PDB file of N, CA and C in Angstrom:
ATOM      1  N   MET A   1     -30.490 -13.067 -18.348  1.00  0.00           N
ATOM      2  CA  MET A   1     -29.553 -12.294 -17.544  1.00  0.00           C
ATOM      3  C   MET A   1     -28.266 -12.102 -18.343  1.00  0.00           C
ATOM      4  N   LYS A   2     -27.756 -10.890 -18.328  1.00  0.00           N
ATOM      5  CA  LYS A   2     -26.545 -10.589 -19.090  1.00  0.00           C
ATOM      6  C   LYS A   2     -25.310 -11.138 -18.387  1.00  0.00           C
ATOM      7  N   LEU A   3     -24.282 -11.393 -19.168  1.00  0.00           N
ATOM      8  CA  LEU A   3     -23.040 -11.961 -18.650  1.00  0.00           C
ATOM      9  C   LEU A   3     -22.398 -11.063 -17.587  1.00  0.00           C
ATOM     10  N   ALA A   4     -22.449  -9.751 -17.777  1.00  0.00           N
ATOM     11  CA  ALA A   4     -21.855  -8.818 -16.813  1.00  0.00           C
ATOM     12  C   ALA A   4     -22.528  -8.939 -15.447  1.00  0.00           C
ATOM     13  N   HIS A   5     -23.830  -9.122 -15.423  1.00  0.00           N
ATOM     14  CA  HIS A   5     -24.540  -9.286 -14.153  1.00  0.00           C
ATOM     15  C   HIS A   5     -24.173 -10.594 -13.473  1.00  0.00           C
ATOM     16  N   ILE A   6     -23.987 -11.638 -14.265  1.00  0.00           N
ATOM     17  CA  ILE A   6     -23.595 -12.941 -13.712  1.00  0.00           C
ATOM     18  C   ILE A   6     -22.205 -12.849 -13.099  1.00  0.00           C
ATOM     19  N   VAL A   7     -21.282 -12.239 -13.817  1.00  0.00           N
ATOM     20  CA  VAL A   7     -19.907 -12.083 -13.323  1.00  0.00           C
ATOM     21  C   VAL A   7     -19.892 -11.237 -12.052  1.00  0.00           C
ATOM     22  N   ASN A   8     -20.626 -10.135 -12.027  1.00  0.00           N
ATOM     23  CA  ASN A   8     -20.683  -9.274 -10.836  1.00  0.00           C
ATOM     24  C   ASN A   8     -21.260  -9.997  -9.632  1.00  0.00           C
ATOM     25  N   SER A   9     -22.267 -10.827  -9.838  1.00  0.00           N
ATOM     26  CA  SER A   9     -22.855 -11.549  -8.706  1.00  0.00           C
ATOM     27  C   SER A   9     -21.883 -12.588  -8.149  1.00  0.00           C
ATOM     28  N   ILE A  10     -21.110 -13.219  -9.009  1.00  0.00           N
ATOM     29  CA  ILE A  10     -20.108 -14.193  -8.541  1.00  0.00           C
ATOM     30  C   ILE A  10     -18.964 -13.477  -7.835  1.00  0.00           C
ATOM     31  N   GLU A  11     -18.474 -12.381  -8.424  1.00  0.00           N
ATOM     32  CA  GLU A  11     -17.352 -11.640  -7.831  1.00  0.00           C
ATOM     33  C   GLU A  11     -17.711 -11.036  -6.481  1.00  0.00           C
ATOM     34  N   SER A  12     -18.949 -10.630  -6.290  1.00  0.00           N
ATOM     35  CA  SER A  12     -19.344  -9.961  -5.047  1.00  0.00           C
ATOM     36  C   SER A  12     -19.168 -10.872  -3.831  1.00  0.00           C
ATOM     37  N   LYS A  13     -19.186 -12.173  -4.022  1.00  0.00           N
ATOM     38  CA  LYS A  13     -18.994 -13.114  -2.918  1.00  0.00           C
ATOM     39  C   LYS A  13     -17.552 -13.099  -2.404  1.00  0.00           C
ATOM     40  N   PHE A  14     -16.602 -12.714  -3.255  1.00  0.00           N
ATOM     41  CA  PHE A  14     -15.183 -12.759  -2.907  1.00  0.00           C
ATOM     42  C   PHE A  14     -14.600 -11.397  -2.519  1.00  0.00           C
ATOM     43  N   LEU A  15     -15.371 -10.324  -2.654  1.00  0.00           N
ATOM     44  CA  LEU A  15     -14.879  -8.991  -2.310  1.00  0.00           C
ATOM     45  C   LEU A  15     -14.788  -8.829  -0.799  1.00  0.00           C
ATOM     46  N   LYS A  16     -13.696  -8.215  -0.341  1.00  0.00           N
ATOM     47  CA  LYS A  16     -13.539  -7.918   1.084  1.00  0.00           C
ATOM     48  C   LYS A  16     -14.344  -6.675   1.418  1.00  0.00           C
ATOM     49  N   LYS A  17     -15.052  -6.728   2.519  1.00  0.00           N
ATOM     50  CA  LYS A  17     -15.917  -5.617   2.916  1.00  0.00           C
ATOM     51  C   LYS A  17     -15.257  -4.682   3.930  1.00  0.00           C
ATOM     52  N   ASP A  18     -14.184  -5.136   4.587  1.00  0.00           N
ATOM     53  CA  ASP A  18     -13.596  -4.386   5.696  1.00  0.00           C
ATOM     54  C   ASP A  18     -12.371  -3.557   5.306  1.00  0.00           C
ATOM     55  N   LEU A  19     -12.242  -3.195   4.040  1.00  0.00           N
ATOM     56  CA  LEU A  19     -11.090  -2.397   3.601  1.00  0.00           C
ATOM     57  C   LEU A  19     -11.300  -0.922   3.936  1.00  0.00           C
ATOM     58  N   PRO A  20     -10.231  -0.238   4.386  1.00  0.00           N
ATOM     59  CA  PRO A  20     -10.351   1.204   4.628  1.00  0.00           C
ATOM     60  C   PRO A  20     -10.418   1.962   3.300  1.00  0.00           C
ATOM     61  N   THR A  21     -10.855   3.195   3.355  1.00  0.00           N
ATOM     62  CA  THR A  21     -10.874   4.037   2.161  1.00  0.00           C
ATOM     63  C   THR A  21      -9.441   4.471   1.870  1.00  0.00           C
ATOM     64  N   LEU A  22      -8.917   4.042   0.745  1.00  0.00           N
ATOM     65  CA  LEU A  22      -7.515   4.295   0.405  1.00  0.00           C
ATOM     66  C   LEU A  22      -7.420   5.269  -0.759  1.00  0.00           C
ATOM     67  N   SER A  23      -6.368   6.092  -0.735  1.00  0.00           N
ATOM     68  CA  SER A  23      -6.094   6.988  -1.851  1.00  0.00           C
ATOM     69  C   SER A  23      -4.585   7.173  -1.969  1.00  0.00           C
ATOM     70  N   ILE A  24      -4.172   7.698  -3.084  1.00  0.00           N
ATOM     71  CA  ILE A  24      -2.745   7.905  -3.348  1.00  0.00           C
ATOM     72  C   ILE A  24      -2.181   8.886  -2.328  1.00  0.00           C
ATOM     73  N   GLY A  25      -1.030   8.549  -1.762  1.00  0.00           N
ATOM     74  CA  GLY A  25      -0.379   9.394  -0.770  1.00  0.00           C
ATOM     75  C   GLY A  25      -0.587   8.920   0.652  1.00  0.00           C
ATOM     76  N   ASN A  26      -1.505   7.985   0.868  1.00  0.00           N
ATOM     77  CA  ASN A  26      -1.731   7.455   2.215  1.00  0.00           C
ATOM     78  C   ASN A  26      -0.562   6.567   2.648  1.00  0.00           C
ATOM     79  N   LEU A  27      -0.220   6.644   3.919  1.00  0.00           N
ATOM     80  CA  LEU A  27       0.773   5.756   4.508  1.00  0.00           C
ATOM     81  C   LEU A  27       0.018   4.558   5.075  1.00  0.00           C
ATOM     82  N   VAL A  28       0.390   3.343   4.647  1.00  0.00           N
ATOM     83  CA  VAL A  28      -0.342   2.144   5.043  1.00  0.00           C
ATOM     84  C   VAL A  28       0.603   1.051   5.536  1.00  0.00           C
ATOM     85  N   ILE A  29       0.031   0.133   6.305  1.00  0.00           N
ATOM     86  CA  ILE A  29       0.718  -1.104   6.680  1.00  0.00           C
ATOM     87  C   ILE A  29      -0.112  -2.243   6.108  1.00  0.00           C
ATOM     88  N   VAL A  30       0.521  -3.066   5.263  1.00  0.00           N
ATOM     89  CA  VAL A  30      -0.145  -4.207   4.660  1.00  0.00           C
ATOM     90  C   VAL A  30       0.441  -5.460   5.300  1.00  0.00           C
ATOM     91  N   ASN A  31      -0.400  -6.279   5.924  1.00  0.00           N
ATOM     92  CA  ASN A  31       0.029  -7.543   6.509  1.00  0.00           C
ATOM     93  C   ASN A  31      -0.276  -8.657   5.518  1.00  0.00           C
ATOM     94  N   VAL A  32       0.791  -9.345   5.075  1.00  0.00           N
ATOM     95  CA  VAL A  32       0.683 -10.364   4.036  1.00  0.00           C
ATOM     96  C   VAL A  32       1.034 -11.728   4.617  1.00  0.00           C
ATOM     97  N   LEU A  33       0.244 -12.742   4.282  1.00  0.00           N
ATOM     98  CA  LEU A  33       0.563 -14.112   4.682  1.00  0.00           C
ATOM     99  C   LEU A  33       1.623 -14.669   3.742  1.00  0.00           C
ATOM    100  N   ILE A  34       2.729 -15.132   4.312  1.00  0.00           N
ATOM    101  CA  ILE A  34       3.819 -15.724   3.549  1.00  0.00           C
ATOM    102  C   ILE A  34       3.873 -17.197   3.905  1.00  0.00           C
ATOM    103  N   GLN A  35       3.920 -18.058   2.871  1.00  0.00           N
ATOM    104  CA  GLN A  35       4.020 -19.486   3.136  1.00  0.00           C
ATOM    105  C   GLN A  35       5.392 -19.968   2.698  1.00  0.00           C
ATOM    106  N   GLU A  36       6.131 -20.534   3.654  1.00  0.00           N
ATOM    107  CA  GLU A  36       7.448 -21.083   3.400  1.00  0.00           C
ATOM    108  C   GLU A  36       7.429 -22.547   3.826  1.00  0.00           C
ATOM    109  N   ALA A  37       7.593 -23.439   2.875  1.00  0.00           N
ATOM    110  CA  ALA A  37       7.520 -24.879   3.133  1.00  0.00           C
ATOM    111  C   ALA A  37       6.170 -25.198   3.778  1.00  0.00           C
ATOM    112  N   ASN A  38       6.150 -25.656   5.025  1.00  0.00           N
ATOM    113  CA  ASN A  38       4.891 -25.996   5.695  1.00  0.00           C
ATOM    114  C   ASN A  38       4.461 -24.952   6.706  1.00  0.00           C
ATOM    115  N   LYS A  39       5.173 -23.839   6.772  1.00  0.00           N
ATOM    116  CA  LYS A  39       4.875 -22.796   7.755  1.00  0.00           C
ATOM    117  C   LYS A  39       4.225 -21.593   7.083  1.00  0.00           C
ATOM    118  N   LYS A  40       3.362 -20.937   7.841  1.00  0.00           N
ATOM    119  CA  LYS A  40       2.781 -19.666   7.401  1.00  0.00           C
ATOM    120  C   LYS A  40       3.129 -18.613   8.431  1.00  0.00           C
ATOM    121  N   ARG A  41       3.442 -17.404   7.947  1.00  0.00           N
ATOM    122  CA  ARG A  41       3.741 -16.305   8.861  1.00  0.00           C
ATOM    123  C   ARG A  41       3.224 -15.012   8.249  1.00  0.00           C
ATOM    124  N   LEU A  42       3.093 -14.001   9.107  1.00  0.00           N
ATOM    125  CA  LEU A  42       2.659 -12.680   8.659  1.00  0.00           C
ATOM    126  C   LEU A  42       3.875 -11.792   8.434  1.00  0.00           C
ATOM    127  N   GLN A  43       3.872 -11.074   7.337  1.00  0.00           N
ATOM    128  CA  GLN A  43       4.935 -10.114   7.065  1.00  0.00           C
ATOM    129  C   GLN A  43       4.295  -8.749   6.873  1.00  0.00           C
ATOM    130  N   SER A  44       4.797  -7.760   7.592  1.00  0.00           N
ATOM    131  CA  SER A  44       4.301  -6.386   7.478  1.00  0.00           C
ATOM    132  C   SER A  44       5.080  -5.643   6.406  1.00  0.00           C
ATOM    133  N   TYR A  45       4.371  -4.840   5.647  1.00  0.00           N
ATOM    134  CA  TYR A  45       4.986  -4.014   4.623  1.00  0.00           C
ATOM    135  C   TYR A  45       4.413  -2.618   4.785  1.00  0.00           C
ATOM    136  N   GLN A  46       5.243  -1.656   5.192  1.00  0.00           N
ATOM    137  CA  GLN A  46       4.792  -0.288   5.435  1.00  0.00           C
ATOM    138  C   GLN A  46       5.332   0.617   4.354  1.00  0.00           C
ATOM    139  N   GLY A  47       4.462   1.439   3.787  1.00  0.00           N
ATOM    140  CA  GLY A  47       4.900   2.361   2.758  1.00  0.00           C
ATOM    141  C   GLY A  47       3.779   3.290   2.335  1.00  0.00           C
ATOM    142  N   THR A  48       4.047   4.045   1.277  1.00  0.00           N
ATOM    143  CA  THR A  48       3.110   5.038   0.753  1.00  0.00           C
ATOM    144  C   THR A  48       2.470   4.506  -0.524  1.00  0.00           C
ATOM    145  N   ILE A  49       1.170   4.689  -0.649  1.00  0.00           N
ATOM    146  CA  ILE A  49       0.476   4.276  -1.867  1.00  0.00           C
ATOM    147  C   ILE A  49       0.845   5.237  -2.992  1.00  0.00           C
ATOM    148  N   THR A  50       1.404   4.687  -4.076  1.00  0.00           N
ATOM    149  CA  THR A  50       1.811   5.526  -5.212  1.00  0.00           C
ATOM    150  C   THR A  50       0.852   5.422  -6.377  1.00  0.00           C
ATOM    151  N   SER A  51       0.117   4.316  -6.467  1.00  0.00           N
ATOM    152  CA  SER A  51      -0.908   4.206  -7.502  1.00  0.00           C
ATOM    153  C   SER A  51      -1.990   3.238  -7.049  1.00  0.00           C
ATOM    154  N   GLN A  52      -3.124   3.349  -7.721  1.00  0.00           N
ATOM    155  CA  GLN A  52      -4.277   2.559  -7.355  1.00  0.00           C
ATOM    156  C   GLN A  52      -5.014   2.164  -8.630  1.00  0.00           C
ATOM    157  N   HIS A  53      -5.396   0.902  -8.708  1.00  0.00           N
ATOM    158  CA  HIS A  53      -6.146   0.406  -9.864  1.00  0.00           C
ATOM    159  C   HIS A  53      -7.458  -0.161  -9.341  1.00  0.00           C
ATOM    160  N   ARG A  54      -8.555   0.440  -9.738  1.00  0.00           N
ATOM    161  CA  ARG A  54      -9.868   0.002  -9.248  1.00  0.00           C
ATOM    162  C   ARG A  54     -10.559  -0.804 -10.343  1.00  0.00           C
ATOM    163  N   ALA A  55     -10.685  -2.108 -10.101  1.00  0.00           N
ATOM    164  CA  ALA A  55     -11.297  -2.993 -11.090  1.00  0.00           C
ATOM    165  C   ALA A  55     -12.040  -4.125 -10.409  1.00  0.00           C
ATOM    166  N   GLY A  56     -12.858  -3.785  -9.428  1.00  0.00           N
ATOM    167  CA  GLY A  56     -13.642  -4.808  -8.744  1.00  0.00           C
ATOM    168  C   GLY A  56     -12.759  -5.801  -8.015  1.00  0.00           C
ATOM    169  N   LEU A  57     -12.902  -7.067  -8.356  1.00  0.00           N
ATOM    170  CA  LEU A  57     -12.139  -8.125  -7.715  1.00  0.00           C
ATOM    171  C   LEU A  57     -10.647  -8.024  -8.022  1.00  0.00           C
ATOM    172  N   ASN A  58     -10.286  -7.392  -9.141  1.00  0.00           N
ATOM    173  CA  ASN A  58      -8.889  -7.262  -9.557  1.00  0.00           C
ATOM    174  C   ASN A  58      -8.252  -5.944  -9.134  1.00  0.00           C
ATOM    175  N   SER A  59      -8.815  -5.261  -8.150  1.00  0.00           N
ATOM    176  CA  SER A  59      -8.279  -3.981  -7.679  1.00  0.00           C
ATOM    177  C   SER A  59      -6.916  -4.188  -7.018  1.00  0.00           C
ATOM    178  N   THR A  60      -5.999  -3.257  -7.271  1.00  0.00           N
ATOM    179  CA  THR A  60      -4.657  -3.338  -6.693  1.00  0.00           C
ATOM    180  C   THR A  60      -4.219  -1.969  -6.177  1.00  0.00           C
ATOM    181  N   ILE A  61      -3.240  -1.993  -5.265  1.00  0.00           N
ATOM    182  CA  ILE A  61      -2.550  -0.772  -4.856  1.00  0.00           C
ATOM    183  C   ILE A  61      -1.057  -1.030  -5.000  1.00  0.00           C
ATOM    184  N   THR A  62      -0.328   0.012  -5.353  1.00  0.00           N
ATOM    185  CA  THR A  62       1.124  -0.052  -5.424  1.00  0.00           C
ATOM    186  C   THR A  62       1.667   0.707  -4.230  1.00  0.00           C
ATOM    187  N   VAL A  63       2.471   0.013  -3.412  1.00  0.00           N
ATOM    188  CA  VAL A  63       3.020   0.601  -2.186  1.00  0.00           C
ATOM    189  C   VAL A  63       4.524   0.720  -2.355  1.00  0.00           C
ATOM    190  N   CYS A  64       5.048   1.905  -2.027  1.00  0.00           N
ATOM    191  CA  CYS A  64       6.477   2.192  -2.179  1.00  0.00           C
ATOM    192  C   CYS A  64       7.070   2.525  -0.819  1.00  0.00           C
ATOM    193  N   ARG A  65       8.267   2.004  -0.565  1.00  0.00           N
ATOM    194  CA  ARG A  65       8.977   2.334   0.674  1.00  0.00           C
ATOM    195  C   ARG A  65      10.467   2.433   0.380  1.00  0.00           C
ATOM    196  N   MET A  66      11.185   3.057   1.300  1.00  0.00           N
ATOM    197  CA  MET A  66      12.643   3.168   1.190  1.00  0.00           C
ATOM    198  C   MET A  66      13.271   2.191   2.168  1.00  0.00           C
ATOM    199  N   SER A  67      14.243   1.421   1.695  1.00  0.00           N
ATOM    200  CA  SER A  67      14.960   0.477   2.534  1.00  0.00           C
ATOM    201  C   SER A  67      16.446   0.603   2.230  1.00  0.00           C
ATOM    202  N   LYS A  68      17.191   1.103   3.204  1.00  0.00           N
ATOM    203  CA  LYS A  68      18.637   1.298   3.069  1.00  0.00           C
ATOM    204  C   LYS A  68      18.980   2.158   1.857  1.00  0.00           C
ATOM    205  N   GLY A  69      18.149   3.188   1.629  1.00  0.00           N
ATOM    206  CA  GLY A  69      18.402   4.128   0.541  1.00  0.00           C
ATOM    207  C   GLY A  69      17.924   3.655  -0.818  1.00  0.00           C
ATOM    208  N   ILE A  70      17.271   2.510  -0.885  1.00  0.00           N
ATOM    209  CA  ILE A  70      16.782   1.970  -2.145  1.00  0.00           C
ATOM    210  C   ILE A  70      15.253   1.994  -2.125  1.00  0.00           C
ATOM    211  N   LYS A  71      14.665   2.476  -3.212  1.00  0.00           N
ATOM    212  CA  LYS A  71      13.220   2.547  -3.321  1.00  0.00           C
ATOM    213  C   LYS A  71      12.680   1.175  -3.737  1.00  0.00           C
ATOM    214  N   ILE A  72      11.774   0.611  -2.917  1.00  0.00           N
ATOM    215  CA  ILE A  72      11.188  -0.699  -3.187  1.00  0.00           C
ATOM    216  C   ILE A  72       9.695  -0.513  -3.418  1.00  0.00           C
ATOM    217  N   THR A  73       9.208  -1.046  -4.533  1.00  0.00           N
ATOM    218  CA  THR A  73       7.802  -0.924  -4.897  1.00  0.00           C
ATOM    219  C   THR A  73       7.197  -2.318  -4.975  1.00  0.00           C
ATOM    220  N   ARG A  74       6.000  -2.458  -4.431  1.00  0.00           N
ATOM    221  CA  ARG A  74       5.319  -3.745  -4.463  1.00  0.00           C
ATOM    222  C   ARG A  74       3.838  -3.521  -4.757  1.00  0.00           C
ATOM    223  N   ILE A  75       3.268  -4.397  -5.577  1.00  0.00           N
ATOM    224  CA  ILE A  75       1.857  -4.308  -5.950  1.00  0.00           C
ATOM    225  C   ILE A  75       1.075  -5.353  -5.163  1.00  0.00           C
ATOM    226  N   PHE A  76      -0.007  -4.914  -4.515  1.00  0.00           N
ATOM    227  CA  PHE A  76      -0.839  -5.803  -3.711  1.00  0.00           C
ATOM    228  C   PHE A  76      -2.243  -5.888  -4.298  1.00  0.00           C
ATOM    229  N   PRO A  77      -2.736  -7.090  -4.591  1.00  0.00           N
ATOM    230  CA  PRO A  77      -4.152  -7.238  -4.955  1.00  0.00           C
ATOM    231  C   PRO A  77      -5.003  -7.105  -3.692  1.00  0.00           C
ATOM    232  N   LEU A  78      -5.922  -6.175  -3.676  1.00  0.00           N
ATOM    233  CA  LEU A  78      -6.672  -5.854  -2.456  1.00  0.00           C
ATOM    234  C   LEU A  78      -7.538  -6.998  -1.938  1.00  0.00           C
ATOM    235  N   HIS A  79      -8.113  -7.791  -2.817  1.00  0.00           N
ATOM    236  CA  HIS A  79      -9.061  -8.815  -2.403  1.00  0.00           C
ATOM    237  C   HIS A  79      -8.430 -10.213  -2.353  1.00  0.00           C
ATOM    238  N   SER A  80      -7.123 -10.287  -2.351  1.00  0.00           N
ATOM    239  CA  SER A  80      -6.426 -11.571  -2.281  1.00  0.00           C
ATOM    240  C   SER A  80      -6.597 -12.199  -0.900  1.00  0.00           C
ATOM    241  N   PRO A  81      -6.749 -13.518  -0.823  1.00  0.00           N
ATOM    242  CA  PRO A  81      -6.829 -14.168   0.488  1.00  0.00           C
ATOM    243  C   PRO A  81      -5.501 -14.108   1.252  1.00  0.00           C
ATOM    244  N   ASP A  82      -4.410 -13.795   0.571  1.00  0.00           N
ATOM    245  CA  ASP A  82      -3.101 -13.682   1.224  1.00  0.00           C
ATOM    246  C   ASP A  82      -2.924 -12.355   1.953  1.00  0.00           C
ATOM    247  N   ILE A  83      -3.778 -11.380   1.703  1.00  0.00           N
ATOM    248  CA  ILE A  83      -3.721 -10.103   2.401  1.00  0.00           C
ATOM    249  C   ILE A  83      -4.529 -10.238   3.688  1.00  0.00           C
ATOM    250  N   GLU A  84      -3.836 -10.249   4.807  1.00  0.00           N
ATOM    251  CA  GLU A  84      -4.490 -10.403   6.119  1.00  0.00           C
ATOM    252  C   GLU A  84      -5.239  -9.127   6.497  1.00  0.00           C
ATOM    253  N   SER A  85      -4.553  -7.974   6.373  1.00  0.00           N
ATOM    254  CA  SER A  85      -5.189  -6.702   6.708  1.00  0.00           C
ATOM    255  C   SER A  85      -4.431  -5.546   6.075  1.00  0.00           C
ATOM    256  N   ILE A  86      -5.145  -4.444   5.928  1.00  0.00           N
ATOM    257  CA  ILE A  86      -4.554  -3.199   5.458  1.00  0.00           C
ATOM    258  C   ILE A  86      -4.963  -2.133   6.454  1.00  0.00           C
ATOM    259  N   LYS A  87      -3.961  -1.449   7.020  1.00  0.00           N
ATOM    260  CA  LYS A  87      -4.234  -0.427   8.038  1.00  0.00           C
ATOM    261  C   LYS A  87      -3.698   0.910   7.530  1.00  0.00           C
ATOM    262  N   LYS A  88      -4.555   1.906   7.498  1.00  0.00           N
ATOM    263  CA  LYS A  88      -4.156   3.250   7.065  1.00  0.00           C
ATOM    264  C   LYS A  88      -3.608   3.992   8.279  1.00  0.00           C
ATOM    265  N   ILE A  89      -2.340   4.452   8.172  1.00  0.00           N
ATOM    266  CA  ILE A  89      -1.706   5.157   9.276  1.00  0.00           C
ATOM    267  C   ILE A  89      -1.991   6.655   9.194  1.00  0.00           C
ATOM    268  N   SER A  90      -1.795   7.213   8.004  1.00  0.00           N
ATOM    269  CA  SER A  90      -2.051   8.642   7.855  1.00  0.00           C
ATOM    270  C   SER A  90      -2.495   8.951   6.438  1.00  0.00           C
ATOM    271  N   SER A  91      -3.185  10.066   6.291  1.00  0.00           N
ATOM    272  CA  SER A  91      -3.639  10.526   4.989  1.00  0.00           C
ATOM    273  C   SER A  91      -2.673  11.539   4.439  1.00  0.00           C
ATOM    274  N   LYS A  92      -2.815  11.840   3.172  1.00  0.00           N
ATOM    275  CA  LYS A  92      -1.917  12.816   2.552  1.00  0.00           C
ATOM    276  C   LYS A  92      -2.234  14.214   2.972  1.00  0.00           C
TER     277      LYS A  92
END
């Protein structure tokens, strides 16, 4: 068995199956688990997808939003256990 097949079979166990179909320009809400000391809480991040990197388990989206006139960009790994959910609000 080739190494690529072994890696793909291991990675497939960790891929999230319930992700919506995302593309650049979509407005999304990403709920992220934040751990502070001994507490965990959910933080919502709403913005527009500006870029997308598709690489299996290492897939990411870049979400941009405006806050008090300042452009804030954040990169989210799609299959991270810290990502609670991704909800698509509207398409481009």
